[in-house]
Amino acid sequence: MRFWGAFLELRRHPSALVGIVVIGLLLIMSIYAVVRIPYSEAVRLWRAGEVVWLENPRNAAPRWLNWFGAGLPETIKIGLQNAEKAEEILGEDTRRTIYRLAFDFPYTRFPGELALFFQATYKKIPPQLVLTWRTPDGREIPLGTRTVRGNERYVVSGDANLLRRLGRSAEEGLFADLANPKRALPGRYELVMEVYTFESGASLEAKLIVYGRVHGWAGTDHLRRDLSIGLLWGAPVAVAFGFTAAVGIALIQFILSGLGAWFGGVVDVLIDRLTEMRMILPLLPLLILVGMLWSRSIWVILATLIMFGSLGGQKTYRAMFLQAREAPYIEAARAYGAGNFRIVFRYLLPRLIPVLIPGFVLAIPDYVFLEATLAVLGIGDPILPTWGKIISDAYSQGAHFKGLYYWILEPAALLMITGFGFAMIGFTLDRIFNPRLRSL
């Protein structure tokens, strides 16, 4: 009842309510990530690189930037099923099919890239095609001819011959407004594909992708990965890592401090010396050594962290237990013959648990930031998508120099909000459970 009353008292503190809302949203985000994208699927998507994300733009900003008037182009995809079609028989098995892939481009900013995806079906002679680009002002720009022998991707932006003919990038050459070459010409564009097949049953499927500069609610990175995967899955990883480390270490140190204070003598001296040894040993270099020489798995790092935290207790806990062991209810337990471990675990430790709760709540963001720090230093888990790993990738790719601020600010903001939420609740719980702070 004491704990329930204390938690009900949280409602009287606005800071605690803010913290509860933040942590509640974090938990909802974690549950959604686990249910919507299973662990194995999240790992597969995050490690797949461009193979899975070929249809996403590279280094695209979040789509919501356009709500504030950014005017950045969005990705446009057009398949042959949406194209005008005209077919002509040239011989017994030879056919020419003309497809007109038309689309509206209402932006004055140039797109990110252009690419064509092909899938050819034939027996011996592959289909051939002639590509022509038409602009809203009536210009026709030949893109050349191609022979398609299977599943292929033609990156128009990377065509060296086209770049030499245009004298500039493909995006600028194909979309530029001649009156103002530094801006794109809005209007209706058209890609004309003349497809020649030479066998009965031969066919060609194609898709044109005009890559935009915005994508999704989180944007993309240098490997075209949707950052929403990493941001969503960073939540359950952060909560699991921070909560497990904080609760595990706090409980072990709490129990060891209680045992040392109760038994005294050699037990107390040994636990106290282990505590002092842990206090002087540097934790971060130890975790870096484990990551470099053994394993970078986040769970190995977590186990190492708990083992390190289990070296001894806490000086503060020990001082409180030394005072509590002289309390009258402890003397009464001794009088009716209670054993040492019964006194410790039944009477001594439960009496001081309220002091423990604010401590481990405040420690959770510390361990979340520690995991992010290791990832930024390059010692993070190479498999799991985490907030720290996203920041590390952004730093290694020079996102801050390229103006891709969303790539850094989104995971950094989630880390700050997480720390803020737990801090608000932790400080409020400290005021509730700590008698010296109740009058403040």
Protein backbone atom coordinates (compact mmCIF):
# COMPACT_ATOMS: atom_id res chain seq x y z
CA MET A 1 0.00 0.00 0.00
CA ARG A 2 2.92 2.31 0.73
CA PHE A 3 4.26 1.94 -2.80
CA TRP A 4 0.81 2.31 -4.33
CA GLY A 5 0.21 5.51 -2.37
CA ALA A 6 3.58 6.86 -3.44
CA PHE A 7 2.89 6.21 -7.09
CA LEU A 8 -0.56 7.77 -6.79
CA GLU A 9 1.16 10.84 -5.40
CA LEU A 10 2.93 11.22 -8.75
CA ARG A 11 -0.29 12.69 -10.09
CA ARG A 12 0.26 15.76 -7.92
CA HIS A 13 3.51 16.62 -9.69
CA PRO A 14 3.31 18.07 -13.24
CA SER A 15 6.90 17.04 -13.96
CA ALA A 16 6.06 13.42 -13.21
CA LEU A 17 3.01 13.53 -15.47
CA VAL A 18 5.21 14.81 -18.30
CA GLY A 19 7.65 12.00 -17.65
CA ILE A 20 4.87 9.40 -17.60
CA VAL A 21 3.57 10.65 -20.95
CA VAL A 22 7.06 10.52 -22.48
CA ILE A 23 7.77 7.01 -21.20
CA GLY A 24 4.28 5.88 -22.21
CA LEU A 25 4.89 7.06 -25.77
CA LEU A 26 8.28 5.36 -25.73
CA LEU A 27 6.68 2.07 -24.65
CA ILE A 28 3.97 2.37 -27.32
CA MET A 29 6.68 3.01 -29.89
CA SER A 30 8.58 -0.07 -28.67
CA ILE A 31 5.52 -2.32 -28.80
CA TYR A 32 4.60 -1.06 -32.26
CA ALA A 33 8.13 -1.72 -33.53
CA VAL A 34 8.20 -5.29 -32.20
CA VAL A 35 4.72 -6.12 -33.50
CA ARG A 36 4.93 -4.29 -36.83
CA ILE A 37 8.51 -5.29 -37.72
CA PRO A 38 9.64 -8.57 -36.11
CA TYR A 39 13.23 -8.75 -34.86
CA SER A 40 14.49 -11.01 -37.65
CA GLU A 41 12.88 -8.82 -40.30
CA ALA A 42 14.31 -5.63 -38.78
CA VAL A 43 17.81 -7.12 -38.76
CA ARG A 44 17.42 -8.35 -42.34
CA LEU A 45 16.22 -4.99 -43.60
CA TRP A 46 18.91 -3.07 -41.75
CA ARG A 47 21.79 -5.27 -42.93
CA ALA A 48 20.58 -5.74 -46.51
CA GLY A 49 21.95 -2.42 -47.79
CA GLU A 50 20.89 -1.14 -51.20
CA VAL A 51 19.75 -4.58 -52.41
CA VAL A 52 16.44 -4.23 -50.57
CA TRP A 53 16.13 -0.45 -50.78
CA LEU A 54 16.88 0.14 -54.48
CA GLU A 55 13.59 1.97 -55.05
CA ASN A 56 14.22 4.45 -52.23
CA PRO A 57 16.04 7.74 -52.82
CA ARG A 58 19.50 8.14 -51.33
CA ASN A 59 20.00 10.63 -48.46
CA ALA A 60 16.41 11.86 -48.67
CA ALA A 61 15.00 14.18 -46.03
CA PRO A 62 11.75 13.43 -44.14
CA ARG A 63 8.59 14.14 -46.11
CA TRP A 64 7.16 16.39 -43.41
CA LEU A 65 9.70 19.07 -44.33
CA ASN A 66 7.40 19.92 -47.24
CA TRP A 67 4.73 20.92 -44.71
CA PHE A 68 6.93 23.92 -43.95
CA GLY A 69 7.35 24.97 -47.57
CA ALA A 70 10.58 23.15 -48.44
CA GLY A 71 9.22 22.23 -51.89
CA LEU A 72 11.39 19.12 -52.20
CA PRO A 73 10.40 16.60 -54.90
CA GLU A 74 8.87 13.28 -53.89
CA THR A 75 9.68 9.99 -55.57
CA ILE A 76 7.61 9.15 -58.67
CA LYS A 77 7.22 5.56 -59.91
CA ILE A 78 5.62 4.63 -63.23
CA GLY A 79 5.22 1.11 -64.62
CA LEU A 80 4.24 -0.03 -68.09
CA GLN A 81 0.72 -0.82 -66.88
CA ASN A 82 0.21 2.96 -66.51
CA ALA A 83 1.66 3.83 -69.91
CA GLU A 84 0.03 4.47 -73.28
CA LYS A 85 0.74 1.54 -75.58
CA ALA A 86 0.93 1.16 -79.36
CA GLU A 87 1.95 -2.14 -80.99
CA GLU A 88 3.18 -2.84 -84.52
CA ILE A 89 4.03 -6.18 -86.19
CA LEU A 90 7.23 -5.91 -88.24
CA GLY A 91 7.70 -9.56 -89.17
CA GLU A 92 6.66 -13.09 -88.33
CA ASP A 93 7.93 -12.89 -84.72
CA THR A 94 9.24 -9.34 -84.65
CA ARG A 95 7.19 -6.65 -82.95
CA ARG A 96 7.67 -3.04 -82.02
CA THR A 97 5.78 -1.79 -78.99
CA ILE A 98 5.84 1.89 -78.08
CA TYR A 99 5.18 2.84 -74.46
CA ARG A 100 4.70 6.43 -73.34
CA LEU A 101 5.37 6.79 -69.61
CA ALA A 102 4.03 10.24 -68.77
CA PHE A 103 4.08 11.88 -65.35
CA ASP A 104 3.58 15.31 -63.81
CA PHE A 105 6.56 16.95 -62.10
CA PRO A 106 5.27 20.04 -60.19
CA TYR A 107 8.58 20.98 -58.53
CA THR A 108 11.25 23.61 -59.23
CA ARG A 109 13.93 21.57 -57.42
CA PHE A 110 15.75 18.89 -59.38
CA PRO A 111 15.11 15.22 -58.49
CA GLY A 112 17.77 13.15 -56.79
CA GLU A 113 18.32 10.44 -59.41
CA LEU A 114 16.67 8.66 -62.35
CA ALA A 115 16.66 4.92 -62.94
CA LEU A 116 14.89 2.30 -65.05
CA PHE A 117 14.25 -1.25 -63.85
CA PHE A 118 13.83 -3.96 -66.51
CA GLN A 119 12.74 -7.58 -66.49
CA ALA A 120 13.06 -9.36 -69.86
CA THR A 121 11.53 -12.70 -70.84
CA TYR A 122 12.93 -14.45 -73.96
CA LYS A 123 14.50 -17.69 -75.21
CA LYS A 124 17.47 -16.77 -77.39
CA ILE A 125 17.24 -13.21 -78.67
CA PRO A 126 16.90 -10.53 -75.95
CA PRO A 127 14.59 -7.53 -76.43
CA GLN A 128 16.05 -4.22 -77.52
CA LEU A 129 14.74 -0.77 -76.80
CA VAL A 130 15.20 2.84 -77.81
CA LEU A 131 14.69 5.50 -75.14
CA THR A 132 13.66 9.11 -75.73
CA TRP A 133 12.99 11.80 -73.12
CA ARG A 134 10.40 14.52 -73.76
CA THR A 135 10.14 17.71 -71.71
CA PRO A 136 7.12 19.97 -71.13
CA ASP A 137 8.53 22.59 -73.52
CA GLY A 138 8.64 20.09 -76.42
CA ARG A 139 12.30 19.09 -76.42
CA GLU A 140 13.25 15.48 -77.25
CA ILE A 141 16.46 14.11 -75.76
CA PRO A 142 17.60 10.65 -76.94
CA LEU A 143 18.80 8.44 -74.09
CA GLY A 144 20.25 5.77 -76.37
CA THR A 145 19.53 2.11 -77.07
CA ARG A 146 19.83 -0.90 -74.79
CA THR A 147 19.68 -4.68 -74.97
CA VAL A 148 17.97 -6.18 -71.94
CA ARG A 149 19.11 -9.68 -71.02
CA GLY A 150 17.31 -10.24 -67.72
CA ASN A 151 16.67 -8.31 -64.53
CA GLU A 152 18.62 -5.11 -64.99
CA ARG A 153 18.77 -1.58 -63.67
CA TYR A 154 19.72 1.33 -65.90
CA VAL A 155 20.82 4.27 -63.78
CA VAL A 156 20.22 7.22 -66.08
CA SER A 157 22.05 9.50 -63.65
CA GLY A 158 25.19 7.39 -64.00
CA ASP A 159 25.26 7.10 -67.80
CA ALA A 160 28.67 8.55 -68.76
CA ASN A 161 27.75 9.00 -72.44
CA LEU A 162 24.59 10.90 -71.54
CA LEU A 163 26.50 13.10 -69.10
CA ARG A 164 29.01 14.03 -71.80
CA ARG A 165 26.24 14.89 -74.25
CA LEU A 166 24.30 16.97 -71.76
CA GLY A 167 27.37 18.67 -70.32
CA ARG A 168 25.97 18.41 -66.78
CA SER A 169 24.20 15.95 -64.52
CA ALA A 170 21.34 13.95 -65.98
CA GLU A 171 18.84 15.45 -63.52
CA GLU A 172 19.74 18.98 -64.54
CA GLY A 173 19.99 18.19 -68.24
CA LEU A 174 16.63 16.43 -68.44
CA PHE A 175 14.64 18.67 -66.09
CA ALA A 176 16.23 22.12 -66.43
CA ASP A 177 14.24 25.17 -67.40
CA LEU A 178 16.11 26.72 -70.34
CA ALA A 179 15.04 30.18 -69.20
CA ASN A 180 16.59 29.51 -65.78
CA PRO A 181 18.94 26.49 -65.90
CA LYS A 182 19.38 26.51 -62.12
CA ARG A 183 15.80 25.40 -61.53
CA ALA A 184 13.67 22.53 -62.79
CA LEU A 185 10.86 23.10 -65.27
CA PRO A 186 7.50 22.05 -63.79
CA GLY A 187 5.14 20.25 -66.14
CA ARG A 188 4.36 16.95 -67.80
CA TYR A 189 7.33 14.81 -68.79
CA GLU A 190 7.31 11.70 -70.91
CA LEU A 191 9.64 8.77 -71.45
CA VAL A 192 9.08 7.06 -74.80
CA MET A 193 10.20 3.43 -74.93
CA GLU A 194 10.36 1.62 -78.27
CA VAL A 195 10.62 -2.07 -77.39
CA TYR A 196 11.64 -4.56 -80.11
CA THR A 197 11.05 -8.27 -79.48
CA PHE A 198 12.17 -10.98 -81.91
CA GLU A 199 10.55 -14.14 -80.57
CA SER A 200 7.04 -15.35 -79.96
CA GLY A 201 6.20 -14.88 -76.30
CA ALA A 202 9.11 -12.52 -75.60
CA SER A 203 8.21 -9.59 -73.37
CA LEU A 204 9.68 -6.79 -71.33
CA GLU A 205 8.53 -5.26 -68.06
CA ALA A 206 9.89 -1.88 -67.05
CA LYS A 207 9.51 0.70 -64.30
CA LEU A 208 10.71 4.30 -64.28
CA ILE A 209 11.68 5.80 -60.93
CA VAL A 210 12.30 9.51 -60.57
CA TYR A 211 13.91 9.62 -57.14
CA GLY A 212 12.80 12.47 -54.93
CA ARG A 213 14.60 14.30 -52.17
CA VAL A 214 12.14 13.38 -49.41
CA HIS A 215 10.96 9.98 -48.23
CA GLY A 216 8.78 8.75 -45.37
CA TRP A 217 8.54 10.39 -41.97
CA ALA A 218 12.21 9.84 -41.08
CA GLY A 219 14.16 10.08 -44.35
CA THR A 220 16.81 7.72 -45.72
CA ASP A 221 20.55 7.23 -45.31
CA HIS A 222 23.47 6.66 -47.68
CA LEU A 223 22.37 3.05 -48.29
CA ARG A 224 18.79 4.15 -49.10
CA ARG A 225 17.57 2.51 -45.88
CA ASP A 226 14.41 3.93 -44.40
CA LEU A 227 15.57 5.49 -41.12
CA SER A 228 12.17 4.82 -39.57
CA ILE A 229 13.28 1.18 -39.15
CA GLY A 230 16.25 2.21 -37.05
CA LEU A 231 14.38 4.88 -35.11
CA LEU A 232 11.48 2.56 -34.27
CA TRP A 233 13.66 -0.40 -33.29
CA GLY A 234 16.00 1.86 -31.36
CA ALA A 235 13.20 2.32 -28.80
CA PRO A 236 12.80 -1.32 -27.62
CA VAL A 237 16.58 -1.82 -27.73
CA ALA A 238 17.16 1.30 -25.62
CA VAL A 239 14.41 0.43 -23.13
CA ALA A 240 15.53 -3.21 -22.79
CA PHE A 241 19.21 -2.32 -22.44
CA GLY A 242 18.71 0.58 -20.05
CA PHE A 243 16.09 -1.12 -17.87
CA THR A 244 17.95 -4.44 -17.61
CA ALA A 245 21.27 -2.79 -16.80
CA ALA A 246 19.80 -0.33 -14.29
CA VAL A 247 17.60 -2.83 -12.43
CA GLY A 248 20.17 -5.64 -12.52
CA ILE A 249 23.05 -3.54 -11.23
CA ALA A 250 20.95 -1.68 -8.65
CA LEU A 251 19.49 -4.88 -7.19
CA ILE A 252 22.86 -6.67 -6.99
CA GLN A 253 24.57 -3.68 -5.36
CA PHE A 254 21.62 -3.24 -3.02
CA ILE A 255 21.74 -6.88 -1.87
CA LEU A 256 25.53 -6.94 -1.52
CA SER A 257 25.49 -3.71 0.51
CA GLY A 258 22.82 -5.16 2.81
CA LEU A 259 24.72 -8.43 3.32
CA GLY A 260 27.97 -6.60 4.04
CA ALA A 261 26.36 -4.21 6.51
CA TRP A 262 24.56 -7.03 8.32
CA PHE A 263 27.32 -9.62 8.59
CA GLY A 264 30.16 -7.13 9.04
CA GLY A 265 33.69 -8.41 9.57
CA VAL A 266 35.42 -10.08 6.65
CA VAL A 267 32.26 -10.03 4.49
CA ASP A 268 31.85 -6.28 4.91
CA VAL A 269 35.53 -5.58 4.29
CA LEU A 270 35.59 -7.77 1.13
CA ILE A 271 32.47 -6.14 -0.33
CA ASP A 272 33.77 -2.68 0.58
CA ARG A 273 37.15 -3.33 -1.11
CA LEU A 274 35.37 -4.61 -4.25
CA THR A 275 33.25 -1.47 -4.23
CA GLU A 276 36.33 0.74 -4.05
CA MET A 277 38.00 -1.24 -6.82
CA ARG A 278 34.95 -0.75 -9.08
CA MET A 279 34.91 2.95 -8.31
CA ILE A 280 38.49 3.47 -9.50
CA LEU A 281 38.38 1.16 -12.56
CA PRO A 282 37.41 2.97 -15.80
CA LEU A 283 34.26 1.43 -17.28
CA LEU A 284 34.33 2.84 -20.81
CA PRO A 285 37.84 1.55 -21.73
CA LEU A 286 36.84 -1.88 -20.40
CA LEU A 287 33.74 -1.99 -22.61
CA ILE A 288 35.82 -0.82 -25.59
CA LEU A 289 38.28 -3.68 -24.99
CA VAL A 290 35.42 -6.18 -24.84
CA GLY A 291 33.97 -4.80 -28.07
CA MET A 292 37.32 -4.78 -29.88
CA LEU A 293 38.73 -8.10 -28.68
CA TRP A 294 35.71 -10.30 -27.97
CA SER A 295 32.26 -9.35 -29.23
CA ARG A 296 30.29 -6.24 -30.17
CA SER A 297 26.95 -7.88 -29.48
CA ILE A 298 24.80 -5.57 -27.41
CA TRP A 299 23.91 -8.47 -25.12
CA VAL A 300 27.59 -9.29 -24.47
CA ILE A 301 28.15 -5.62 -23.66
CA LEU A 302 25.12 -5.72 -21.34
CA ALA A 303 26.40 -8.83 -19.55
CA THR A 304 29.84 -7.24 -19.13
CA LEU A 305 28.23 -4.09 -17.76
CA ILE A 306 26.19 -6.03 -15.19
CA MET A 307 29.23 -8.08 -14.15
CA PHE A 308 31.27 -4.92 -13.68
CA GLY A 309 28.46 -3.27 -11.70
CA SER A 310 28.24 -6.38 -9.50
CA LEU A 311 31.72 -5.77 -8.06
CA GLY A 312 30.72 -4.73 -4.57
CA GLY A 313 27.86 -2.55 -3.40
CA GLN A 314 27.21 1.14 -2.91
CA LYS A 315 28.69 3.28 -0.16
CA THR A 316 25.38 5.12 0.22
CA TYR A 317 23.40 1.90 0.60
CA ARG A 318 25.91 0.55 3.11
CA ALA A 319 25.59 3.64 5.30
CA MET A 320 21.81 3.37 5.33
CA PHE A 321 21.91 -0.34 6.14
CA LEU A 322 24.31 0.26 9.04
CA GLN A 323 21.75 2.65 10.53
CA ALA A 324 18.78 0.38 9.81
CA ARG A 325 20.35 -2.69 11.45
CA GLU A 326 20.05 -0.98 14.85
CA ALA A 327 16.32 -0.29 14.42
CA PRO A 328 13.92 -1.74 17.04
CA TYR A 329 12.08 -3.98 14.55
CA ILE A 330 15.41 -5.64 13.68
CA GLU A 331 16.10 -6.24 17.38
CA ALA A 332 12.63 -7.74 17.69
CA ALA A 333 13.33 -10.11 14.80
CA ARG A 334 16.53 -11.20 16.48
CA ALA A 335 14.68 -11.74 19.76
CA TYR A 336 12.21 -14.24 18.35
CA GLY A 337 15.01 -16.17 16.65
CA ALA A 338 14.91 -15.13 12.98
CA GLY A 339 17.94 -16.26 10.98
CA ASN A 340 20.43 -13.91 9.37
CA PHE A 341 19.18 -14.32 5.80
CA ARG A 342 15.56 -14.02 6.89
CA ILE A 343 16.32 -10.77 8.67
CA VAL A 344 18.26 -9.42 5.66
CA PHE A 345 15.76 -10.39 2.95
CA ARG A 346 12.53 -10.15 4.97
CA TYR A 347 13.10 -7.08 7.14
CA LEU A 348 16.25 -5.16 6.27
CA LEU A 349 16.18 -4.93 2.45
CA PRO A 350 12.43 -4.31 1.99
CA ARG A 351 12.61 -1.44 4.47
CA LEU A 352 14.98 0.51 2.22
CA ILE A 353 13.60 -0.46 -1.22
CA PRO A 354 11.87 2.97 -1.58
CA VAL A 355 15.35 4.51 -1.65
CA LEU A 356 16.35 2.14 -4.45
CA ILE A 357 13.48 2.97 -6.84
CA PRO A 358 14.42 6.58 -7.72
CA GLY A 359 18.02 5.52 -8.18
CA PHE A 360 17.45 2.88 -10.82
CA VAL A 361 14.85 5.02 -12.62
CA LEU A 362 17.44 7.79 -12.93
CA ALA A 363 20.11 5.28 -13.99
CA ILE A 364 18.14 3.98 -17.01
CA PRO A 365 18.98 6.91 -19.33
CA ASP A 366 22.63 6.70 -18.23
CA TYR A 367 22.89 3.20 -19.67
CA VAL A 368 20.89 4.18 -22.77
CA PHE A 369 23.42 6.96 -23.41
CA LEU A 370 26.28 4.55 -22.70
CA GLU A 371 25.07 2.17 -25.42
CA ALA A 372 24.72 5.09 -27.84
CA THR A 373 28.22 6.29 -26.92
CA LEU A 374 29.71 2.89 -27.71
CA ALA A 375 27.90 2.86 -31.06
CA VAL A 376 29.19 6.35 -31.93
CA LEU A 377 32.72 5.18 -31.06
CA GLY A 378 32.30 2.28 -33.50
CA ILE A 379 31.91 -0.42 -30.80
CA GLY A 380 28.15 -0.78 -31.18
CA ASP A 381 26.29 -3.89 -32.23
CA PRO A 382 26.77 -4.27 -36.02
CA ILE A 383 23.48 -6.18 -36.37
CA LEU A 384 20.86 -4.26 -34.43
CA PRO A 385 19.54 -0.89 -35.62
CA THR A 386 19.97 1.50 -32.69
CA TRP A 387 19.88 5.26 -32.23
CA GLY A 388 23.60 5.34 -31.55
CA LYS A 389 24.34 3.36 -34.72
CA ILE A 390 22.33 5.85 -36.80
CA ILE A 391 24.35 8.74 -35.35
CA SER A 392 27.58 6.81 -36.01
CA ASP A 393 26.62 6.24 -39.67
CA ALA A 394 25.66 9.90 -40.05
CA TYR A 395 29.00 11.02 -38.64
CA SER A 396 31.04 8.63 -40.80
CA GLN A 397 29.20 9.81 -43.93
CA GLY A 398 29.67 13.49 -43.12
CA ALA A 399 25.96 14.22 -42.74
CA HIS A 400 26.67 17.45 -40.86
CA PHE A 401 28.83 18.71 -43.74
CA LYS A 402 26.29 17.74 -46.40
CA GLY A 403 23.39 19.47 -44.66
CA LEU A 404 21.64 16.18 -43.80
CA TYR A 405 20.83 17.39 -40.31
CA TYR A 406 17.74 15.20 -39.94
CA TRP A 407 20.03 12.15 -39.97
CA ILE A 408 21.69 13.30 -36.75
CA LEU A 409 18.93 15.27 -35.05
CA GLU A 410 16.23 12.56 -35.14
CA PRO A 411 18.07 9.90 -33.10
CA ALA A 412 19.67 12.58 -30.91
CA ALA A 413 16.23 14.03 -30.13
CA LEU A 414 14.88 10.58 -29.20
CA LEU A 415 17.84 10.04 -26.86
CA MET A 416 17.29 13.42 -25.21
CA ILE A 417 13.53 12.87 -24.86
CA THR A 418 14.14 9.43 -23.31
CA GLY A 419 16.56 10.87 -20.78
CA PHE A 420 14.19 13.74 -20.04
CA GLY A 421 11.23 11.41 -19.40
CA PHE A 422 13.06 9.14 -16.96
CA ALA A 423 14.70 12.12 -15.23
CA MET A 424 11.31 13.77 -14.60
CA ILE A 425 9.92 10.63 -12.96
CA GLY A 426 13.13 9.81 -11.13
CA PHE A 427 13.46 13.23 -9.49
CA THR A 428 9.80 13.20 -8.49
CA LEU A 429 10.10 9.74 -6.95
CA ASP A 430 13.14 10.94 -5.05
CA ARG A 431 11.07 13.77 -3.58
CA ILE A 432 8.31 11.35 -2.61
CA PHE A 433 10.46 8.59 -1.09
CA ASN A 434 13.19 10.78 0.40
CA PRO A 435 11.86 12.45 3.59
CA ARG A 436 14.50 15.18 3.45
CA LEU A 437 13.14 16.41 0.07
CA ARG A 438 9.41 16.34 0.82
CA SER A 439 9.34 19.89 2.13
CA LEU A 440 11.13 21.32 -0.92
